[in-house]
Amino acid sequence: MGEVHKLDRRDRENKADEETGRKAAPCPICGKPSAAKTRPFCSTRCANIDLGRWLGGTYRVETDEVPEDGETPPPPDRTR
């Protein structure tokens, strides 16, 4: 029953894109058009690459919290 709901949602998203003439946003990993099934990514592969980056610490959300004892604070991000 849950799968039917997912398919309905995807169908609505695709129909909305067709009606408004919007192109699918590009995949944030490889730049190909995103697929409704794996939105905002183009494939499960790119979604897994993104997840790996989050889990590996490549992506992180900055905070003002002080690290607990034993934790090493991450180096400051100098790319901004």
PDB file of N, CA and C in Angstrom:
ATOM      1  N   MET A   1       0.819  -1.194   0.000  1.00  0.00           N
ATOM      2  CA  MET A   1       0.000   0.000   0.000  1.00  0.00           C
ATOM      3  C   MET A   1       0.863   1.258   0.000  1.00  0.00           C
ATOM      4  N   GLY A   2       1.974   1.265   0.754  1.00  0.00           N
ATOM      5  CA  GLY A   2       2.860   2.417   0.781  1.00  0.00           C
ATOM      6  C   GLY A   2       3.504   2.675  -0.566  1.00  0.00           C
ATOM      7  N   GLU A   3       3.810   1.627  -1.304  1.00  0.00           N
ATOM      8  CA  GLU A   3       4.436   1.780  -2.618  1.00  0.00           C
ATOM      9  C   GLU A   3       3.513   2.509  -3.578  1.00  0.00           C
ATOM     10  N   VAL A   4       2.217   2.231  -3.504  1.00  0.00           N
ATOM     11  CA  VAL A   4       1.254   2.905  -4.375  1.00  0.00           C
ATOM     12  C   VAL A   4       1.291   4.400  -4.105  1.00  0.00           C
ATOM     13  N   HIS A   5       1.381   4.777  -2.838  1.00  0.00           N
ATOM     14  CA  HIS A   5       1.447   6.196  -2.470  1.00  0.00           C
ATOM     15  C   HIS A   5       2.681   6.852  -3.090  1.00  0.00           C
ATOM     16  N   LYS A   6       3.841   6.183  -3.020  1.00  0.00           N
ATOM     17  CA  LYS A   6       5.067   6.734  -3.581  1.00  0.00           C
ATOM     18  C   LYS A   6       4.936   6.928  -5.085  1.00  0.00           C
ATOM     19  N   LEU A   7       4.366   5.945  -5.762  1.00  0.00           N
ATOM     20  CA  LEU A   7       4.207   6.063  -7.209  1.00  0.00           C
ATOM     21  C   LEU A   7       3.269   7.213  -7.549  1.00  0.00           C
ATOM     22  N   ASP A   8       2.204   7.369  -6.788  1.00  0.00           N
ATOM     23  CA  ASP A   8       1.274   8.466  -7.035  1.00  0.00           C
ATOM     24  C   ASP A   8       1.966   9.818  -6.871  1.00  0.00           C
ATOM     25  N   ARG A   9       2.773   9.954  -5.845  1.00  0.00           N
ATOM     26  CA  ARG A   9       3.491  11.205  -5.593  1.00  0.00           C
ATOM     27  C   ARG A   9       4.449  11.493  -6.743  1.00  0.00           C
ATOM     28  N   ARG A  10       5.175  10.490  -7.179  1.00  0.00           N
ATOM     29  CA  ARG A  10       6.114  10.676  -8.292  1.00  0.00           C
ATOM     30  C   ARG A  10       5.379  11.055  -9.565  1.00  0.00           C
ATOM     31  N   ASP A  11       4.257  10.406  -9.806  1.00  0.00           N
ATOM     32  CA  ASP A  11       3.475  10.736 -10.999  1.00  0.00           C
ATOM     33  C   ASP A  11       3.025  12.195 -10.956  1.00  0.00           C
ATOM     34  N   ARG A  12       2.586  12.655  -9.789  1.00  0.00           N
ATOM     35  CA  ARG A  12       2.154  14.050  -9.649  1.00  0.00           C
ATOM     36  C   ARG A  12       3.316  15.008  -9.884  1.00  0.00           C
ATOM     37  N   GLU A  13       4.497  14.667  -9.364  1.00  0.00           N
ATOM     38  CA  GLU A  13       5.663  15.526  -9.560  1.00  0.00           C
ATOM     39  C   GLU A  13       6.021  15.620 -11.036  1.00  0.00           C
ATOM     40  N   ASN A  14       6.031  14.485 -11.722  1.00  0.00           N
ATOM     41  CA  ASN A  14       6.357  14.491 -13.149  1.00  0.00           C
ATOM     42  C   ASN A  14       5.321  15.275 -13.941  1.00  0.00           C
ATOM     43  N   LYS A  15       4.044  15.107 -13.603  1.00  0.00           N
ATOM     44  CA  LYS A  15       2.980  15.808 -14.308  1.00  0.00           C
ATOM     45  C   LYS A  15       3.103  17.316 -14.080  1.00  0.00           C
ATOM     46  N   ALA A  16       3.414  17.711 -12.854  1.00  0.00           N
ATOM     47  CA  ALA A  16       3.572  19.135 -12.546  1.00  0.00           C
ATOM     48  C   ALA A  16       4.721  19.723 -13.360  1.00  0.00           C
ATOM     49  N   ASP A  17       5.816  18.987 -13.496  1.00  0.00           N
ATOM     50  CA  ASP A  17       6.943  19.466 -14.290  1.00  0.00           C
ATOM     51  C   ASP A  17       6.540  19.633 -15.749  1.00  0.00           C
ATOM     52  N   GLU A  18       5.778  18.680 -16.277  1.00  0.00           N
ATOM     53  CA  GLU A  18       5.338  18.751 -17.669  1.00  0.00           C
ATOM     54  C   GLU A  18       4.391  19.934 -17.882  1.00  0.00           C
ATOM     55  N   GLU A  19       3.462  20.148 -16.956  1.00  0.00           N
ATOM     56  CA  GLU A  19       2.469  21.216 -17.100  1.00  0.00           C
ATOM     57  C   GLU A  19       3.103  22.601 -16.995  1.00  0.00           C
ATOM     58  N   THR A  20       4.080  22.757 -16.128  1.00  0.00           N
ATOM     59  CA  THR A  20       4.699  24.069 -15.947  1.00  0.00           C
ATOM     60  C   THR A  20       5.847  24.305 -16.917  1.00  0.00           C
ATOM     61  N   GLY A  21       6.256  23.263 -17.600  1.00  0.00           N
ATOM     62  CA  GLY A  21       7.362  23.392 -18.536  1.00  0.00           C
ATOM     63  C   GLY A  21       8.716  23.461 -17.858  1.00  0.00           C
ATOM     64  N   ARG A  22       8.747  23.176 -16.560  1.00  0.00           N
ATOM     65  CA  ARG A  22      10.019  23.195 -15.837  1.00  0.00           C
ATOM     66  C   ARG A  22      10.850  21.983 -16.223  1.00  0.00           C
ATOM     67  N   LYS A  23      12.126  22.197 -16.317  1.00  0.00           N
ATOM     68  CA  LYS A  23      13.034  21.075 -16.507  1.00  0.00           C
ATOM     69  C   LYS A  23      13.416  20.571 -15.128  1.00  0.00           C
ATOM     70  N   ALA A  24      13.731  19.291 -15.058  1.00  0.00           N
ATOM     71  CA  ALA A  24      14.168  18.727 -13.788  1.00  0.00           C
ATOM     72  C   ALA A  24      15.469  19.403 -13.372  1.00  0.00           C
ATOM     73  N   ALA A  25      15.595  19.679 -12.096  1.00  0.00           N
ATOM     74  CA  ALA A  25      16.824  20.282 -11.583  1.00  0.00           C
ATOM     75  C   ALA A  25      17.976  19.309 -11.804  1.00  0.00           C
ATOM     76  N   PRO A  26      19.171  19.823 -12.037  1.00  0.00           N
ATOM     77  CA  PRO A  26      20.293  18.919 -12.249  1.00  0.00           C
ATOM     78  C   PRO A  26      20.681  18.190 -10.967  1.00  0.00           C
ATOM     79  N   CYS A  27      21.194  16.996 -11.140  1.00  0.00           N
ATOM     80  CA  CYS A  27      21.694  16.201 -10.022  1.00  0.00           C
ATOM     81  C   CYS A  27      22.854  16.965  -9.378  1.00  0.00           C
ATOM     82  N   PRO A  28      22.856  17.124  -8.051  1.00  0.00           N
ATOM     83  CA  PRO A  28      23.930  17.877  -7.406  1.00  0.00           C
ATOM     84  C   PRO A  28      25.281  17.161  -7.443  1.00  0.00           C
ATOM     85  N   ILE A  29      25.295  15.883  -7.794  1.00  0.00           N
ATOM     86  CA  ILE A  29      26.546  15.135  -7.839  1.00  0.00           C
ATOM     87  C   ILE A  29      27.177  15.172  -9.226  1.00  0.00           C
ATOM     88  N   CYS A  30      26.392  14.830 -10.269  1.00  0.00           N
ATOM     89  CA  CYS A  30      26.979  14.704 -11.607  1.00  0.00           C
ATOM     90  C   CYS A  30      26.452  15.713 -12.620  1.00  0.00           C
ATOM     91  N   GLY A  31      25.358  16.418 -12.293  1.00  0.00           N
ATOM     92  CA  GLY A  31      24.828  17.428 -13.192  1.00  0.00           C
ATOM     93  C   GLY A  31      23.806  16.945 -14.206  1.00  0.00           C
ATOM     94  N   LYS A  32      23.555  15.634 -14.266  1.00  0.00           N
ATOM     95  CA  LYS A  32      22.528  15.120 -15.175  1.00  0.00           C
ATOM     96  C   LYS A  32      21.153  15.526 -14.649  1.00  0.00           C
ATOM     97  N   PRO A  33      20.109  15.505 -15.494  1.00  0.00           N
ATOM     98  CA  PRO A  33      18.758  15.821 -15.003  1.00  0.00           C
ATOM     99  C   PRO A  33      18.339  14.836 -13.907  1.00  0.00           C
ATOM    100  N   SER A  34      17.684  15.332 -12.876  1.00  0.00           N
ATOM    101  CA  SER A  34      17.252  14.458 -11.787  1.00  0.00           C
ATOM    102  C   SER A  34      16.094  13.586 -12.243  1.00  0.00           C
ATOM    103  N   ALA A  35      15.950  12.455 -11.580  1.00  0.00           N
ATOM    104  CA  ALA A  35      14.869  11.519 -11.872  1.00  0.00           C
ATOM    105  C   ALA A  35      13.867  11.587 -10.729  1.00  0.00           C
ATOM    106  N   ALA A  36      12.584  11.488 -11.051  1.00  0.00           N
ATOM    107  CA  ALA A  36      11.546  11.578 -10.019  1.00  0.00           C
ATOM    108  C   ALA A  36      11.747  10.515  -8.945  1.00  0.00           C
ATOM    109  N   LYS A  37      12.182   9.334  -9.338  1.00  0.00           N
ATOM    110  CA  LYS A  37      12.337   8.227  -8.385  1.00  0.00           C
ATOM    111  C   LYS A  37      13.416   8.520  -7.341  1.00  0.00           C
ATOM    112  N   THR A  38      14.452   9.240  -7.715  1.00  0.00           N
ATOM    113  CA  THR A  38      15.580   9.480  -6.808  1.00  0.00           C
ATOM    114  C   THR A  38      15.833  10.964  -6.573  1.00  0.00           C
ATOM    115  N   ARG A  39      14.848  11.798  -6.853  1.00  0.00           N
ATOM    116  CA  ARG A  39      14.971  13.248  -6.749  1.00  0.00           C
ATOM    117  C   ARG A  39      15.589  13.655  -5.425  1.00  0.00           C
ATOM    118  N   PRO A  40      16.533  14.527  -5.343  1.00  0.00           N
ATOM    119  CA  PRO A  40      17.033  15.420  -6.378  1.00  0.00           C
ATOM    120  C   PRO A  40      18.180  14.829  -7.192  1.00  0.00           C
ATOM    121  N   PHE A  41      18.441  13.552  -7.036  1.00  0.00           N
ATOM    122  CA  PHE A  41      19.549  12.914  -7.746  1.00  0.00           C
ATOM    123  C   PHE A  41      19.061  12.256  -9.030  1.00  0.00           C
ATOM    124  N   CYS A  42      20.007  11.908  -9.907  1.00  0.00           N
ATOM    125  CA  CYS A  42      19.642  11.264 -11.170  1.00  0.00           C
ATOM    126  C   CYS A  42      19.544   9.756 -11.014  1.00  0.00           C
ATOM    127  N   SER A  43      20.156   9.207  -9.974  1.00  0.00           N
ATOM    128  CA  SER A  43      20.199   7.756  -9.800  1.00  0.00           C
ATOM    129  C   SER A  43      20.459   7.413  -8.340  1.00  0.00           C
ATOM    130  N   THR A  44      20.263   6.144  -8.030  1.00  0.00           N
ATOM    131  CA  THR A  44      20.575   5.658  -6.685  1.00  0.00           C
ATOM    132  C   THR A  44      22.073   5.788  -6.427  1.00  0.00           C
ATOM    133  N   ARG A  45      22.874   5.593  -7.462  1.00  0.00           N
ATOM    134  CA  ARG A  45      24.326   5.709  -7.323  1.00  0.00           C
ATOM    135  C   ARG A  45      24.710   7.097  -6.804  1.00  0.00           C
ATOM    136  N   CYS A  46      24.182   8.144  -7.425  1.00  0.00           N
ATOM    137  CA  CYS A  46      24.512   9.504  -6.987  1.00  0.00           C
ATOM    138  C   CYS A  46      23.957   9.783  -5.588  1.00  0.00           C
ATOM    139  N   ALA A  47      22.785   9.245  -5.275  1.00  0.00           N
ATOM    140  CA  ALA A  47      22.227   9.413  -3.929  1.00  0.00           C
ATOM    141  C   ALA A  47      23.148   8.764  -2.895  1.00  0.00           C
ATOM    142  N   ASN A  48      23.694   7.599  -3.223  1.00  0.00           N
ATOM    143  CA  ASN A  48      24.598   6.910  -2.301  1.00  0.00           C
ATOM    144  C   ASN A  48      25.932   7.643  -2.163  1.00  0.00           C
ATOM    145  N   ILE A  49      26.412   8.243  -3.239  1.00  0.00           N
ATOM    146  CA  ILE A  49      27.635   9.048  -3.156  1.00  0.00           C
ATOM    147  C   ILE A  49      27.416  10.204  -2.189  1.00  0.00           C
ATOM    148  N   ASP A  50      26.271  10.880  -2.308  1.00  0.00           N
ATOM    149  CA  ASP A  50      25.949  11.998  -1.425  1.00  0.00           C
ATOM    150  C   ASP A  50      25.856  11.537   0.031  1.00  0.00           C
ATOM    151  N   LEU A  51      25.183  10.413   0.263  1.00  0.00           N
ATOM    152  CA  LEU A  51      25.067   9.872   1.616  1.00  0.00           C
ATOM    153  C   LEU A  51      26.447   9.565   2.184  1.00  0.00           C
ATOM    154  N   GLY A  52      27.309   8.970   1.371  1.00  0.00           N
ATOM    155  CA  GLY A  52      28.668   8.666   1.814  1.00  0.00           C
ATOM    156  C   GLY A  52      29.441   9.916   2.199  1.00  0.00           C
ATOM    157  N   ARG A  53      29.209  10.999   1.473  1.00  0.00           N
ATOM    158  CA  ARG A  53      29.879  12.263   1.803  1.00  0.00           C
ATOM    159  C   ARG A  53      29.407  12.796   3.148  1.00  0.00           C
ATOM    160  N   TRP A  54      28.102  12.682   3.424  1.00  0.00           N
ATOM    161  CA  TRP A  54      27.586  13.114   4.726  1.00  0.00           C
ATOM    162  C   TRP A  54      28.158  12.237   5.837  1.00  0.00           C
ATOM    163  N   LEU A  55      28.116  10.918   5.638  1.00  0.00           N
ATOM    164  CA  LEU A  55      28.576  10.001   6.680  1.00  0.00           C
ATOM    165  C   LEU A  55      30.084  10.083   6.894  1.00  0.00           C
ATOM    166  N   GLY A  56      30.823  10.400   5.838  1.00  0.00           N
ATOM    167  CA  GLY A  56      32.274  10.502   5.932  1.00  0.00           C
ATOM    168  C   GLY A  56      32.770  11.837   6.466  1.00  0.00           C
ATOM    169  N   GLY A  57      31.869  12.794   6.639  1.00  0.00           N
ATOM    170  CA  GLY A  57      32.251  14.087   7.189  1.00  0.00           C
ATOM    171  C   GLY A  57      32.653  15.116   6.150  1.00  0.00           C
ATOM    172  N   THR A  58      32.534  14.777   4.857  1.00  0.00           N
ATOM    173  CA  THR A  58      32.846  15.758   3.819  1.00  0.00           C
ATOM    174  C   THR A  58      31.899  16.940   3.928  1.00  0.00           C
ATOM    175  N   TYR A  59      30.630  16.652   4.156  1.00  0.00           N
ATOM    176  CA  TYR A  59      29.632  17.697   4.391  1.00  0.00           C
ATOM    177  C   TYR A  59      29.406  17.765   5.891  1.00  0.00           C
ATOM    178  N   ARG A  60      29.258  18.949   6.407  1.00  0.00           N
ATOM    179  CA  ARG A  60      28.886  19.082   7.816  1.00  0.00           C
ATOM    180  C   ARG A  60      28.203  20.421   8.023  1.00  0.00           C
ATOM    181  N   VAL A  61      27.416  20.472   9.061  1.00  0.00           N
ATOM    182  CA  VAL A  61      26.694  21.684   9.416  1.00  0.00           C
ATOM    183  C   VAL A  61      27.459  22.336  10.556  1.00  0.00           C
ATOM    184  N   GLU A  62      27.831  23.586  10.364  1.00  0.00           N
ATOM    185  CA  GLU A  62      28.590  24.286  11.397  1.00  0.00           C
ATOM    186  C   GLU A  62      27.717  24.553  12.618  1.00  0.00           C
ATOM    187  N   THR A  63      28.360  24.558  13.771  1.00  0.00           N
ATOM    188  CA  THR A  63      27.663  24.812  15.020  1.00  0.00           C
ATOM    189  C   THR A  63      28.589  25.587  15.955  1.00  0.00           C
ATOM    190  N   ASP A  64      28.004  26.224  16.933  1.00  0.00           N
ATOM    191  CA  ASP A  64      28.781  26.943  17.937  1.00  0.00           C
ATOM    192  C   ASP A  64      29.013  26.088  19.182  1.00  0.00           C
ATOM    193  N   GLU A  65      28.544  24.842  19.164  1.00  0.00           N
ATOM    194  CA  GLU A  65      28.694  23.965  20.319  1.00  0.00           C
ATOM    195  C   GLU A  65      30.164  23.619  20.536  1.00  0.00           C
ATOM    196  N   VAL A  66      30.539  23.513  21.800  1.00  0.00           N
ATOM    197  CA  VAL A  66      31.897  23.128  22.164  1.00  0.00           C
ATOM    198  C   VAL A  66      31.982  21.604  22.099  1.00  0.00           C
ATOM    199  N   PRO A  67      33.036  21.053  21.457  1.00  0.00           N
ATOM    200  CA  PRO A  67      33.161  19.595  21.381  1.00  0.00           C
ATOM    201  C   PRO A  67      33.293  18.985  22.769  1.00  0.00           C
ATOM    202  N   GLU A  68      32.761  17.779  22.929  1.00  0.00           N
ATOM    203  CA  GLU A  68      32.886  17.068  24.197  1.00  0.00           C
ATOM    204  C   GLU A  68      34.330  16.623  24.363  1.00  0.00           C
ATOM    205  N   ASP A  69      34.717  16.285  25.605  1.00  0.00           N
ATOM    206  CA  ASP A  69      36.082  15.823  25.870  1.00  0.00           C
ATOM    207  C   ASP A  69      36.415  14.640  24.974  1.00  0.00           C
ATOM    208  N   GLY A  70      37.624  14.653  24.443  1.00  0.00           N
ATOM    209  CA  GLY A  70      38.067  13.551  23.596  1.00  0.00           C
ATOM    210  C   GLY A  70      37.770  13.756  22.124  1.00  0.00           C
ATOM    211  N   GLU A  71      36.931  14.716  21.799  1.00  0.00           N
ATOM    212  CA  GLU A  71      36.620  14.980  20.395  1.00  0.00           C
ATOM    213  C   GLU A  71      37.548  16.074  19.879  1.00  0.00           C
ATOM    214  N   THR A  72      38.004  15.900  18.688  1.00  0.00           N
ATOM    215  CA  THR A  72      38.833  16.912  18.047  1.00  0.00           C
ATOM    216  C   THR A  72      37.944  17.795  17.197  1.00  0.00           C
ATOM    217  N   PRO A  73      37.994  19.094  17.404  1.00  0.00           N
ATOM    218  CA  PRO A  73      37.158  19.959  16.574  1.00  0.00           C
ATOM    219  C   PRO A  73      37.637  19.917  15.123  1.00  0.00           C
ATOM    220  N   PRO A  74      36.706  19.976  14.178  1.00  0.00           N
ATOM    221  CA  PRO A  74      37.110  19.966  12.770  1.00  0.00           C
ATOM    222  C   PRO A  74      37.824  21.265  12.416  1.00  0.00           C
ATOM    223  N   PRO A  75      38.723  21.207  11.438  1.00  0.00           N
ATOM    224  CA  PRO A  75      39.401  22.439  11.041  1.00  0.00           C
ATOM    225  C   PRO A  75      38.407  23.408  10.425  1.00  0.00           C
ATOM    226  N   PRO A  76      38.671  24.710  10.531  1.00  0.00           N
ATOM    227  CA  PRO A  76      37.736  25.682   9.945  1.00  0.00           C
ATOM    228  C   PRO A  76      37.696  25.532   8.426  1.00  0.00           C
ATOM    229  N   ASP A  77      36.531  25.763   7.865  1.00  0.00           N
ATOM    230  CA  ASP A  77      36.340  25.675   6.422  1.00  0.00           C
ATOM    231  C   ASP A  77      36.793  26.988   5.803  1.00  0.00           C
ATOM    232  N   ARG A  78      37.817  26.944   5.002  1.00  0.00           N
ATOM    233  CA  ARG A  78      38.395  28.155   4.407  1.00  0.00           C
ATOM    234  C   ARG A  78      37.932  28.368   2.967  1.00  0.00           C
ATOM    235  N   THR A  79      36.918  27.602   2.517  1.00  0.00           N
ATOM    236  CA  THR A  79      36.480  27.697   1.123  1.00  0.00           C
ATOM    237  C   THR A  79      35.459  28.789   0.903  1.00  0.00           C
ATOM    238  N   ARG A  80      35.044  29.490   1.921  1.00  0.00           N
ATOM    239  CA  ARG A  80      34.003  30.514   1.767  1.00  0.00           C
ATOM    240  C   ARG A  80      34.571  31.838   1.452  1.00  0.00           C
TER     241      ARG A  80
END
